[in-house]
N, C-alpha and C. Protein backbone atom coordinates (compact mmCIF):
# COMPACT_ATOMS: atom_id res chain seq x y z
N MET A 1 0.82 -1.19 0.00
CA MET A 1 0.00 0.00 0.00
C MET A 1 0.86 1.26 0.00
N ARG A 2 1.99 1.18 0.69
CA ARG A 2 2.82 2.37 0.79
C ARG A 2 3.59 2.61 -0.50
N GLU A 3 4.27 1.59 -1.00
CA GLU A 3 5.12 1.79 -2.18
C GLU A 3 4.31 1.82 -3.47
N GLU A 4 3.43 0.83 -3.65
CA GLU A 4 2.73 0.70 -4.93
C GLU A 4 1.63 1.73 -5.13
N LYS A 5 0.79 1.90 -4.12
CA LYS A 5 -0.39 2.75 -4.30
C LYS A 5 -0.25 4.13 -3.67
N GLN A 6 0.79 4.32 -2.88
CA GLN A 6 1.04 5.61 -2.22
C GLN A 6 -0.19 6.12 -1.48
N LEU A 7 -0.83 5.21 -0.73
CA LEU A 7 -2.05 5.56 0.01
C LEU A 7 -1.79 5.78 1.49
N THR A 8 -0.60 5.48 1.95
CA THR A 8 -0.37 5.54 3.39
C THR A 8 1.03 6.04 3.71
N TYR A 9 1.13 6.68 4.88
CA TYR A 9 2.44 7.07 5.41
C TYR A 9 3.04 5.90 6.17
N ASP A 10 2.16 5.12 6.80
CA ASP A 10 2.60 4.05 7.68
C ASP A 10 1.51 3.00 7.76
N ALA A 11 1.90 1.74 7.82
CA ALA A 11 0.94 0.65 7.99
C ALA A 11 1.59 -0.38 8.90
N SER A 12 0.78 -0.96 9.80
CA SER A 12 1.30 -2.00 10.68
C SER A 12 0.22 -3.03 10.97
N PHE A 13 0.65 -4.26 11.25
CA PHE A 13 -0.23 -5.36 11.57
C PHE A 13 0.23 -5.91 12.91
N THR A 14 -0.70 -6.06 13.85
CA THR A 14 -0.38 -6.59 15.17
C THR A 14 -1.38 -7.68 15.51
N PHE A 15 -0.88 -8.83 15.92
CA PHE A 15 -1.75 -9.90 16.42
C PHE A 15 -1.69 -9.87 17.93
N GLU A 16 -2.83 -9.74 18.56
CA GLU A 16 -2.91 -9.68 20.02
C GLU A 16 -3.44 -11.00 20.53
N GLY A 17 -2.56 -11.80 21.13
CA GLY A 17 -2.97 -13.08 21.69
C GLY A 17 -3.29 -12.93 23.17
N GLY A 18 -4.04 -13.86 23.68
CA GLY A 18 -4.43 -13.80 25.08
C GLY A 18 -3.37 -14.38 26.01
N GLU A 19 -3.25 -13.79 27.20
CA GLU A 19 -2.33 -14.32 28.20
C GLU A 19 -3.06 -15.27 29.14
N ALA A 20 -4.36 -15.06 29.32
CA ALA A 20 -5.12 -15.88 30.25
C ALA A 20 -6.13 -16.78 29.55
N ILE A 21 -6.49 -16.44 28.31
CA ILE A 21 -7.46 -17.24 27.57
C ILE A 21 -6.94 -17.49 26.15
N PRO A 22 -7.32 -18.62 25.57
CA PRO A 22 -6.91 -18.85 24.18
C PRO A 22 -7.66 -17.91 23.24
N GLY A 23 -7.05 -17.59 22.13
CA GLY A 23 -7.70 -16.72 21.16
C GLY A 23 -7.01 -15.38 21.07
N GLY A 24 -7.56 -14.53 20.25
CA GLY A 24 -6.98 -13.20 20.09
C GLY A 24 -7.66 -12.45 18.97
N TYR A 25 -7.04 -11.38 18.54
CA TYR A 25 -7.56 -10.54 17.48
C TYR A 25 -6.38 -9.85 16.81
N TYR A 26 -6.63 -9.26 15.67
CA TYR A 26 -5.58 -8.53 15.00
C TYR A 26 -5.99 -7.08 14.82
N ILE A 27 -4.99 -6.23 14.72
CA ILE A 27 -5.20 -4.80 14.49
C ILE A 27 -4.32 -4.40 13.31
N VAL A 28 -4.94 -3.76 12.35
CA VAL A 28 -4.19 -3.18 11.24
C VAL A 28 -4.35 -1.68 11.37
N SER A 29 -3.25 -0.97 11.50
CA SER A 29 -3.29 0.49 11.59
C SER A 29 -2.69 1.08 10.32
N VAL A 30 -3.40 2.02 9.74
CA VAL A 30 -2.96 2.68 8.52
C VAL A 30 -3.06 4.18 8.74
N THR A 31 -1.99 4.90 8.48
CA THR A 31 -2.00 6.35 8.58
C THR A 31 -1.96 6.92 7.17
N SER A 32 -2.95 7.74 6.85
CA SER A 32 -3.09 8.26 5.50
C SER A 32 -3.60 9.70 5.55
N SER A 33 -3.58 10.36 4.42
CA SER A 33 -4.19 11.69 4.36
C SER A 33 -5.70 11.50 4.30
N PRO A 34 -6.49 12.43 4.84
CA PRO A 34 -7.94 12.26 4.89
C PRO A 34 -8.59 11.99 3.54
N ASP A 35 -8.08 12.58 2.48
CA ASP A 35 -8.70 12.35 1.17
C ASP A 35 -8.40 10.97 0.59
N LYS A 36 -7.44 10.25 1.17
CA LYS A 36 -7.09 8.92 0.67
C LYS A 36 -7.50 7.80 1.61
N VAL A 37 -8.14 8.14 2.73
CA VAL A 37 -8.40 7.13 3.76
C VAL A 37 -9.34 6.02 3.27
N GLN A 38 -10.39 6.35 2.52
CA GLN A 38 -11.30 5.31 2.02
C GLN A 38 -10.58 4.37 1.06
N SER A 39 -9.75 4.91 0.21
CA SER A 39 -8.97 4.08 -0.71
C SER A 39 -7.99 3.21 0.06
N ALA A 40 -7.39 3.75 1.11
CA ALA A 40 -6.45 2.99 1.94
C ALA A 40 -7.17 1.84 2.65
N ILE A 41 -8.38 2.09 3.14
CA ILE A 41 -9.15 1.03 3.80
C ILE A 41 -9.46 -0.09 2.80
N ARG A 42 -9.92 0.28 1.61
CA ARG A 42 -10.22 -0.73 0.59
C ARG A 42 -8.96 -1.53 0.23
N ALA A 43 -7.84 -0.85 0.05
CA ALA A 43 -6.59 -1.53 -0.30
C ALA A 43 -6.13 -2.45 0.82
N CYS A 44 -6.34 -2.02 2.05
CA CYS A 44 -5.97 -2.83 3.21
C CYS A 44 -6.79 -4.12 3.24
N LYS A 45 -8.08 -4.02 3.00
CA LYS A 45 -8.94 -5.20 2.98
C LYS A 45 -8.54 -6.16 1.86
N VAL A 46 -8.23 -5.62 0.70
CA VAL A 46 -7.80 -6.45 -0.42
C VAL A 46 -6.49 -7.16 -0.07
N ALA A 47 -5.56 -6.42 0.53
CA ALA A 47 -4.27 -7.01 0.91
C ALA A 47 -4.45 -8.14 1.92
N LEU A 48 -5.31 -7.94 2.92
CA LEU A 48 -5.56 -9.00 3.90
C LEU A 48 -6.19 -10.22 3.24
N GLN A 49 -7.18 -10.01 2.40
CA GLN A 49 -7.86 -11.13 1.75
C GLN A 49 -6.93 -11.85 0.78
N SER A 50 -5.96 -11.15 0.21
CA SER A 50 -5.02 -11.79 -0.72
C SER A 50 -4.10 -12.78 -0.01
N LEU A 51 -3.97 -12.64 1.31
CA LEU A 51 -3.13 -13.59 2.06
C LEU A 51 -3.68 -15.00 1.99
N LYS A 52 -4.99 -15.11 1.76
CA LYS A 52 -5.61 -16.43 1.63
C LYS A 52 -5.72 -16.84 0.17
N GLY A 53 -5.20 -16.04 -0.72
CA GLY A 53 -5.29 -16.31 -2.16
C GLY A 53 -4.25 -17.32 -2.61
N SER A 54 -4.10 -17.44 -3.91
CA SER A 54 -3.22 -18.45 -4.49
C SER A 54 -1.75 -18.21 -4.16
N PHE A 55 -1.36 -16.95 -3.95
CA PHE A 55 0.04 -16.68 -3.63
C PHE A 55 0.31 -16.76 -2.13
N GLY A 56 -0.68 -16.43 -1.31
CA GLY A 56 -0.53 -16.53 0.14
C GLY A 56 0.61 -15.67 0.67
N VAL A 57 1.34 -16.22 1.60
CA VAL A 57 2.44 -15.52 2.25
C VAL A 57 3.73 -15.87 1.54
N MET A 58 4.54 -14.87 1.28
CA MET A 58 5.81 -15.08 0.58
C MET A 58 6.95 -15.24 1.59
N GLY A 59 7.91 -16.09 1.23
CA GLY A 59 9.03 -16.39 2.11
C GLY A 59 9.85 -15.16 2.49
N ASP A 60 10.08 -14.26 1.53
CA ASP A 60 10.88 -13.07 1.85
C ASP A 60 10.14 -12.16 2.82
N SER A 61 8.81 -12.15 2.78
CA SER A 61 8.02 -11.36 3.73
C SER A 61 8.16 -11.91 5.14
N VAL A 62 8.16 -13.23 5.26
CA VAL A 62 8.31 -13.86 6.58
C VAL A 62 9.70 -13.57 7.14
N GLN A 63 10.73 -13.69 6.31
CA GLN A 63 12.09 -13.42 6.78
C GLN A 63 12.25 -11.97 7.21
N SER A 64 11.68 -11.05 6.44
CA SER A 64 11.74 -9.63 6.78
C SER A 64 11.00 -9.36 8.10
N ALA A 65 9.85 -9.97 8.26
CA ALA A 65 9.08 -9.79 9.50
C ALA A 65 9.84 -10.35 10.70
N LYS A 66 10.49 -11.48 10.54
CA LYS A 66 11.26 -12.09 11.62
C LYS A 66 12.40 -11.16 12.06
N ARG A 67 13.11 -10.59 11.06
CA ARG A 67 14.20 -9.65 11.39
C ARG A 67 13.65 -8.44 12.15
N SER A 68 12.54 -7.92 11.71
CA SER A 68 11.93 -6.74 12.35
C SER A 68 11.48 -7.06 13.77
N ILE A 69 10.84 -8.20 13.97
CA ILE A 69 10.37 -8.61 15.30
C ILE A 69 11.55 -8.81 16.25
N LEU A 70 12.59 -9.48 15.79
CA LEU A 70 13.75 -9.72 16.65
C LEU A 70 14.49 -8.43 16.98
N SER A 71 14.58 -7.54 16.02
CA SER A 71 15.24 -6.26 16.26
C SER A 71 14.48 -5.45 17.31
N LYS A 72 13.15 -5.42 17.19
CA LYS A 72 12.33 -4.70 18.16
C LYS A 72 12.43 -5.35 19.54
N PHE A 73 12.41 -6.67 19.58
CA PHE A 73 12.51 -7.41 20.85
C PHE A 73 13.83 -7.06 21.55
N LYS A 74 14.92 -7.08 20.79
CA LYS A 74 16.23 -6.79 21.39
C LYS A 74 16.30 -5.35 21.90
N ALA A 75 15.79 -4.40 21.14
CA ALA A 75 15.80 -3.00 21.56
C ALA A 75 14.90 -2.80 22.78
N ASP A 76 13.70 -3.37 22.74
CA ASP A 76 12.76 -3.22 23.86
C ASP A 76 13.28 -3.88 25.13
N SER A 77 14.02 -4.97 24.99
CA SER A 77 14.49 -5.70 26.17
C SER A 77 15.53 -4.92 26.97
N LEU A 78 15.96 -3.80 26.46
CA LEU A 78 16.91 -2.94 27.18
C LEU A 78 16.20 -1.95 28.10
N THR A 79 14.87 -1.97 28.11
CA THR A 79 14.12 -1.02 28.93
C THR A 79 13.49 -1.69 30.14
N ASN A 80 13.31 -0.92 31.20
CA ASN A 80 12.63 -1.43 32.38
C ASN A 80 11.16 -1.74 32.08
N LYS A 81 10.54 -0.92 31.26
CA LYS A 81 9.13 -1.12 30.91
C LYS A 81 8.91 -2.52 30.32
N PHE A 82 9.79 -2.93 29.45
CA PHE A 82 9.70 -4.25 28.83
C PHE A 82 9.66 -5.34 29.90
N TRP A 83 10.60 -5.28 30.84
CA TRP A 83 10.70 -6.33 31.84
C TRP A 83 9.52 -6.31 32.81
N VAL A 84 9.06 -5.14 33.17
CA VAL A 84 7.89 -5.06 34.05
C VAL A 84 6.67 -5.66 33.37
N GLU A 85 6.43 -5.28 32.12
CA GLU A 85 5.27 -5.79 31.39
C GLU A 85 5.35 -7.29 31.14
N HIS A 86 6.53 -7.79 30.80
CA HIS A 86 6.66 -9.19 30.44
C HIS A 86 6.80 -10.13 31.64
N LEU A 87 7.27 -9.61 32.76
CA LEU A 87 7.38 -10.47 33.94
C LEU A 87 6.11 -10.44 34.81
N ALA A 88 5.35 -9.38 34.70
CA ALA A 88 4.11 -9.29 35.49
C ALA A 88 3.16 -10.43 35.10
N GLY A 89 2.75 -11.20 36.09
CA GLY A 89 1.80 -12.29 35.86
C GLY A 89 2.44 -13.63 35.55
N THR A 90 3.76 -13.70 35.48
CA THR A 90 4.39 -14.98 35.13
C THR A 90 4.28 -16.02 36.24
N GLN A 91 3.97 -15.60 37.45
CA GLN A 91 3.85 -16.55 38.56
C GLN A 91 2.40 -16.71 39.03
N VAL A 92 1.47 -16.24 38.21
CA VAL A 92 0.06 -16.30 38.57
C VAL A 92 -0.57 -17.53 37.92
N ASP A 93 -1.27 -18.33 38.73
CA ASP A 93 -1.85 -19.57 38.23
C ASP A 93 -2.91 -19.36 37.15
N HIS A 94 -3.67 -18.28 37.22
CA HIS A 94 -4.73 -18.08 36.25
C HIS A 94 -4.23 -17.47 34.93
N MET A 95 -2.92 -17.37 34.75
CA MET A 95 -2.34 -16.92 33.48
C MET A 95 -1.35 -17.98 33.01
N PRO A 96 -1.85 -19.17 32.66
CA PRO A 96 -0.96 -20.29 32.34
C PRO A 96 -0.13 -20.10 31.08
N PHE A 97 -0.52 -19.22 30.18
CA PHE A 97 0.22 -19.02 28.94
C PHE A 97 1.36 -18.02 29.10
N LYS A 98 1.42 -17.35 30.26
CA LYS A 98 2.45 -16.34 30.46
C LYS A 98 3.49 -16.90 31.43
N THR A 99 4.61 -17.31 30.86
CA THR A 99 5.69 -17.88 31.67
C THR A 99 7.01 -17.23 31.29
N ILE A 100 7.98 -17.39 32.15
CA ILE A 100 9.32 -16.87 31.88
C ILE A 100 9.94 -17.60 30.68
N LYS A 101 9.51 -18.83 30.45
CA LYS A 101 10.01 -19.61 29.31
C LYS A 101 9.69 -18.92 27.98
N ALA A 102 8.56 -18.21 27.93
CA ALA A 102 8.20 -17.50 26.70
C ALA A 102 9.25 -16.44 26.36
N LEU A 103 9.81 -15.78 27.38
CA LEU A 103 10.86 -14.79 27.14
C LEU A 103 12.19 -15.47 26.80
N ALA A 104 12.50 -16.52 27.53
CA ALA A 104 13.78 -17.21 27.32
C ALA A 104 13.85 -17.84 25.93
N ASP A 105 12.73 -18.32 25.42
CA ASP A 105 12.71 -19.01 24.13
C ASP A 105 12.28 -18.12 22.97
N PHE A 106 12.04 -16.85 23.22
CA PHE A 106 11.45 -15.98 22.20
C PHE A 106 12.25 -15.98 20.89
N GLU A 107 13.55 -15.74 20.96
CA GLU A 107 14.35 -15.65 19.75
C GLU A 107 14.37 -16.97 18.99
N ALA A 108 14.49 -18.08 19.71
CA ALA A 108 14.51 -19.39 19.05
C ALA A 108 13.17 -19.69 18.38
N VAL A 109 12.08 -19.32 19.04
CA VAL A 109 10.76 -19.56 18.46
C VAL A 109 10.57 -18.72 17.21
N VAL A 110 10.91 -17.43 17.28
CA VAL A 110 10.76 -16.56 16.10
C VAL A 110 11.63 -17.09 14.96
N ASN A 111 12.85 -17.47 15.24
CA ASN A 111 13.74 -17.98 14.18
C ASN A 111 13.22 -19.27 13.56
N SER A 112 12.45 -20.05 14.30
CA SER A 112 11.95 -21.33 13.78
C SER A 112 10.65 -21.20 12.98
N VAL A 113 10.03 -20.03 12.98
CA VAL A 113 8.77 -19.83 12.26
C VAL A 113 9.00 -19.98 10.76
N THR A 114 8.11 -20.75 10.12
CA THR A 114 8.21 -20.98 8.67
C THR A 114 7.04 -20.32 7.95
N VAL A 115 7.13 -20.27 6.65
CA VAL A 115 6.03 -19.75 5.83
C VAL A 115 4.77 -20.58 6.09
N GLN A 116 4.93 -21.88 6.23
CA GLN A 116 3.79 -22.76 6.48
C GLN A 116 3.13 -22.43 7.82
N ASP A 117 3.92 -22.10 8.84
CA ASP A 117 3.36 -21.71 10.15
C ASP A 117 2.50 -20.46 10.01
N VAL A 118 3.01 -19.47 9.31
CA VAL A 118 2.27 -18.22 9.13
C VAL A 118 1.01 -18.47 8.30
N GLN A 119 1.12 -19.30 7.27
CA GLN A 119 -0.05 -19.60 6.44
C GLN A 119 -1.11 -20.33 7.25
N LEU A 120 -0.71 -21.22 8.16
CA LEU A 120 -1.68 -21.91 9.02
C LEU A 120 -2.42 -20.91 9.91
N LEU A 121 -1.71 -19.95 10.46
CA LEU A 121 -2.33 -18.92 11.29
C LEU A 121 -3.30 -18.09 10.46
N ILE A 122 -2.89 -17.70 9.28
CA ILE A 122 -3.75 -16.90 8.41
C ILE A 122 -5.01 -17.68 8.03
N ASP A 123 -4.86 -18.97 7.78
CA ASP A 123 -6.02 -19.79 7.43
C ASP A 123 -7.04 -19.85 8.57
N LEU A 124 -6.58 -19.69 9.81
CA LEU A 124 -7.49 -19.69 10.96
C LEU A 124 -8.17 -18.35 11.18
N MET A 125 -7.61 -17.30 10.60
CA MET A 125 -8.14 -15.95 10.82
C MET A 125 -9.21 -15.62 9.78
N SER A 126 -10.09 -14.71 10.15
CA SER A 126 -11.14 -14.28 9.23
C SER A 126 -10.82 -12.89 8.71
N PHE A 127 -10.79 -12.77 7.39
CA PHE A 127 -10.58 -11.48 6.75
C PHE A 127 -11.82 -11.08 5.96
N GLU A 128 -12.94 -11.69 6.31
CA GLU A 128 -14.19 -11.38 5.63
C GLU A 128 -14.70 -10.02 6.09
N GLU A 129 -15.38 -9.32 5.20
CA GLU A 129 -15.90 -7.98 5.47
C GLU A 129 -16.74 -7.93 6.74
N GLU A 130 -17.61 -8.93 6.94
CA GLU A 130 -18.52 -8.91 8.09
C GLU A 130 -17.81 -9.16 9.42
N SER A 131 -16.59 -9.64 9.40
CA SER A 131 -15.86 -9.87 10.65
C SER A 131 -14.94 -8.71 11.01
N MET A 132 -14.94 -7.66 10.21
CA MET A 132 -14.06 -6.51 10.46
C MET A 132 -14.84 -5.32 11.01
N THR A 133 -14.17 -4.59 11.86
CA THR A 133 -14.69 -3.31 12.33
C THR A 133 -13.69 -2.26 11.90
N VAL A 134 -14.15 -1.21 11.29
CA VAL A 134 -13.27 -0.15 10.81
C VAL A 134 -13.52 1.10 11.64
N CYS A 135 -12.47 1.66 12.18
CA CYS A 135 -12.56 2.90 12.96
C CYS A 135 -11.64 3.91 12.28
N VAL A 136 -12.13 5.12 12.11
CA VAL A 136 -11.32 6.17 11.48
C VAL A 136 -11.28 7.37 12.42
N GLY A 137 -10.10 7.85 12.68
CA GLY A 137 -9.93 9.05 13.47
C GLY A 137 -9.29 10.13 12.61
N ILE A 138 -9.78 11.32 12.70
CA ILE A 138 -9.26 12.43 11.90
C ILE A 138 -8.54 13.41 12.83
N ALA A 139 -7.31 13.69 12.50
CA ALA A 139 -6.53 14.66 13.27
C ALA A 139 -6.43 15.92 12.42
N ALA A 140 -7.58 16.55 12.19
CA ALA A 140 -7.63 17.75 11.36
C ALA A 140 -8.69 18.69 11.93
N PRO A 141 -8.58 19.97 11.66
CA PRO A 141 -9.56 20.91 12.18
C PRO A 141 -10.99 20.56 11.76
N GLN A 142 -11.19 20.14 10.52
CA GLN A 142 -12.49 19.72 10.04
C GLN A 142 -12.31 18.51 9.15
N PRO A 143 -13.21 17.49 9.29
CA PRO A 143 -13.07 16.33 8.41
C PRO A 143 -13.43 16.70 6.98
N PRO A 144 -12.82 16.03 6.02
CA PRO A 144 -13.18 16.28 4.63
C PRO A 144 -14.67 16.01 4.42
N ALA A 145 -15.28 16.67 3.45
CA ALA A 145 -16.71 16.55 3.19
C ALA A 145 -17.11 15.11 2.94
N GLU A 146 -16.26 14.34 2.24
CA GLU A 146 -16.56 12.94 1.94
C GLU A 146 -16.76 12.13 3.23
N MET A 147 -15.92 12.39 4.23
CA MET A 147 -16.01 11.64 5.47
C MET A 147 -17.15 12.14 6.35
N ALA A 148 -17.37 13.42 6.37
CA ALA A 148 -18.45 13.98 7.18
C ALA A 148 -19.80 13.49 6.67
N ALA A 149 -19.91 13.25 5.36
CA ALA A 149 -21.17 12.80 4.77
C ALA A 149 -21.38 11.30 4.92
N ASN A 150 -20.35 10.54 5.27
CA ASN A 150 -20.44 9.09 5.37
C ASN A 150 -20.86 8.69 6.78
N PRO A 151 -22.08 8.17 6.99
CA PRO A 151 -22.55 7.85 8.33
C PRO A 151 -21.83 6.66 8.96
N LYS A 152 -21.10 5.88 8.17
CA LYS A 152 -20.39 4.72 8.72
C LYS A 152 -19.11 5.13 9.43
N ILE A 153 -18.69 6.35 9.25
CA ILE A 153 -17.42 6.80 9.83
C ILE A 153 -17.70 7.86 10.89
N ALA A 154 -17.17 7.63 12.07
CA ALA A 154 -17.29 8.63 13.13
C ALA A 154 -16.02 9.45 13.13
N ALA A 155 -16.05 10.57 12.45
CA ALA A 155 -14.85 11.40 12.31
C ALA A 155 -14.49 12.06 13.63
N GLY A 156 -13.22 11.98 13.97
CA GLY A 156 -12.72 12.66 15.15
C GLY A 156 -13.04 11.97 16.46
N THR A 157 -13.53 10.73 16.42
CA THR A 157 -13.84 10.03 17.67
C THR A 157 -13.18 8.68 17.67
N SER A 158 -12.98 8.14 18.85
CA SER A 158 -12.50 6.78 19.02
C SER A 158 -13.57 6.03 19.78
N LYS A 159 -13.92 4.86 19.32
CA LYS A 159 -14.93 4.04 19.98
C LYS A 159 -14.36 2.67 20.25
N ASN A 160 -14.89 1.98 21.27
CA ASN A 160 -14.50 0.60 21.50
C ASN A 160 -15.04 -0.25 20.37
N ALA A 161 -14.26 -1.21 19.94
CA ALA A 161 -14.69 -2.11 18.89
C ALA A 161 -14.72 -3.53 19.45
N THR A 162 -15.71 -4.28 19.11
CA THR A 162 -15.81 -5.64 19.59
C THR A 162 -14.94 -6.54 18.74
N ALA A 163 -14.14 -7.33 19.40
CA ALA A 163 -13.26 -8.25 18.70
C ALA A 163 -13.98 -9.58 18.52
N SER A 164 -13.24 -10.60 18.08
CA SER A 164 -13.84 -11.91 17.89
C SER A 164 -14.34 -12.45 19.23
N PRO A 165 -15.27 -13.42 19.24
CA PRO A 165 -15.89 -13.89 20.47
C PRO A 165 -14.89 -14.36 21.52
N SER A 166 -13.72 -14.87 21.11
CA SER A 166 -12.77 -15.38 22.08
C SER A 166 -11.82 -14.32 22.60
N ALA A 167 -11.98 -13.09 22.13
CA ALA A 167 -11.05 -12.03 22.52
C ALA A 167 -11.73 -11.00 23.41
N ALA A 168 -10.91 -10.21 24.05
CA ALA A 168 -11.41 -9.12 24.89
C ALA A 168 -11.92 -8.00 24.01
N GLN A 169 -12.40 -6.92 24.62
CA GLN A 169 -12.85 -5.77 23.85
C GLN A 169 -11.83 -4.65 23.98
N PRO A 170 -10.92 -4.55 22.97
CA PRO A 170 -9.90 -3.52 23.03
C PRO A 170 -10.47 -2.18 22.60
N SER A 171 -9.81 -1.13 23.03
CA SER A 171 -10.21 0.19 22.53
C SER A 171 -9.29 0.56 21.39
N SER A 172 -9.79 1.35 20.48
CA SER A 172 -9.02 1.76 19.31
C SER A 172 -7.95 2.75 19.72
N PRO A 173 -6.76 2.66 19.10
CA PRO A 173 -5.71 3.62 19.42
C PRO A 173 -6.10 5.01 18.94
N SER A 174 -5.58 6.02 19.63
CA SER A 174 -5.85 7.40 19.23
C SER A 174 -5.12 7.71 17.95
N PRO A 175 -5.69 8.54 17.10
CA PRO A 175 -5.00 8.87 15.85
C PRO A 175 -3.74 9.68 16.13
N PRO A 176 -2.71 9.48 15.31
CA PRO A 176 -1.49 10.24 15.52
C PRO A 176 -1.72 11.71 15.21
N GLN A 177 -1.02 12.54 15.94
CA GLN A 177 -1.12 13.99 15.72
C GLN A 177 0.03 14.41 14.81
N SER A 178 -0.21 15.37 13.98
CA SER A 178 0.85 15.88 13.13
C SER A 178 0.86 17.40 13.23
N ALA A 179 1.97 17.97 12.86
CA ALA A 179 2.11 19.42 12.95
C ALA A 179 1.05 20.12 12.11
N GLY A 180 0.77 19.60 10.93
CA GLY A 180 -0.22 20.21 10.05
C GLY A 180 -1.63 19.75 10.34
N GLY A 181 -1.78 18.75 11.22
CA GLY A 181 -3.10 18.25 11.56
C GLY A 181 -3.82 17.62 10.39
N ARG A 182 -3.13 16.96 9.47
CA ARG A 182 -3.78 16.46 8.27
C ARG A 182 -3.67 14.94 8.12
N LYS A 183 -3.44 14.20 9.17
CA LYS A 183 -3.36 12.75 9.05
C LYS A 183 -4.58 12.10 9.65
N SER A 184 -4.91 10.94 9.16
CA SER A 184 -6.00 10.16 9.74
C SER A 184 -5.53 8.72 9.87
N THR A 185 -6.18 7.98 10.73
CA THR A 185 -5.80 6.60 10.96
C THR A 185 -7.02 5.72 10.78
N ALA A 186 -6.86 4.64 10.06
CA ALA A 186 -7.90 3.64 9.92
C ALA A 186 -7.43 2.39 10.63
N THR A 187 -8.23 1.85 11.51
CA THR A 187 -7.87 0.65 12.25
C THR A 187 -8.93 -0.40 12.04
N GLN A 188 -8.49 -1.64 11.77
CA GLN A 188 -9.42 -2.74 11.59
C GLN A 188 -9.16 -3.78 12.66
N LEU A 189 -10.22 -4.32 13.21
CA LEU A 189 -10.09 -5.38 14.20
C LEU A 189 -10.86 -6.59 13.73
N SER A 190 -10.40 -7.75 14.12
CA SER A 190 -11.18 -8.95 13.88
C SER A 190 -11.08 -9.83 15.09
């Protein structure tokens, strides 16, 4: 979306797994200019649905993601915040999935992930239109006329979105602020 269609400044995909219950949800965040946000949302949906298509996940994408995840893990592990967040709950019986072993084995597990592993996860996820919630936040003095006229979009607000039945109810992240106040964020949950 960023290189080919030039619809976004930034795009990210995060899978949020449960620490106390099985299941989870994903969040796709896209930062775009207000006049391109609808096109960015459509392109994002197409990109997600293409993961289940004939080409699926590409090996170079998995390798790139692994490098990025490990780099972030190593940088974050130098902070106190990282250790407080990751060690909290490791000795609690009602959080059986959160153990110190998860931290100790993190790099080995990430390095062992294959294209087939990622494709199996994608096959379990739903990228269907009816399973997505789209939230748009506008960081501008006034929303563009196209967005103000669209009743499906709550411009300038953040609302809680319901995730899949096995997941908690996360709140949408606040839109990023910019000096010119001209960015918007589209977030999808499943």
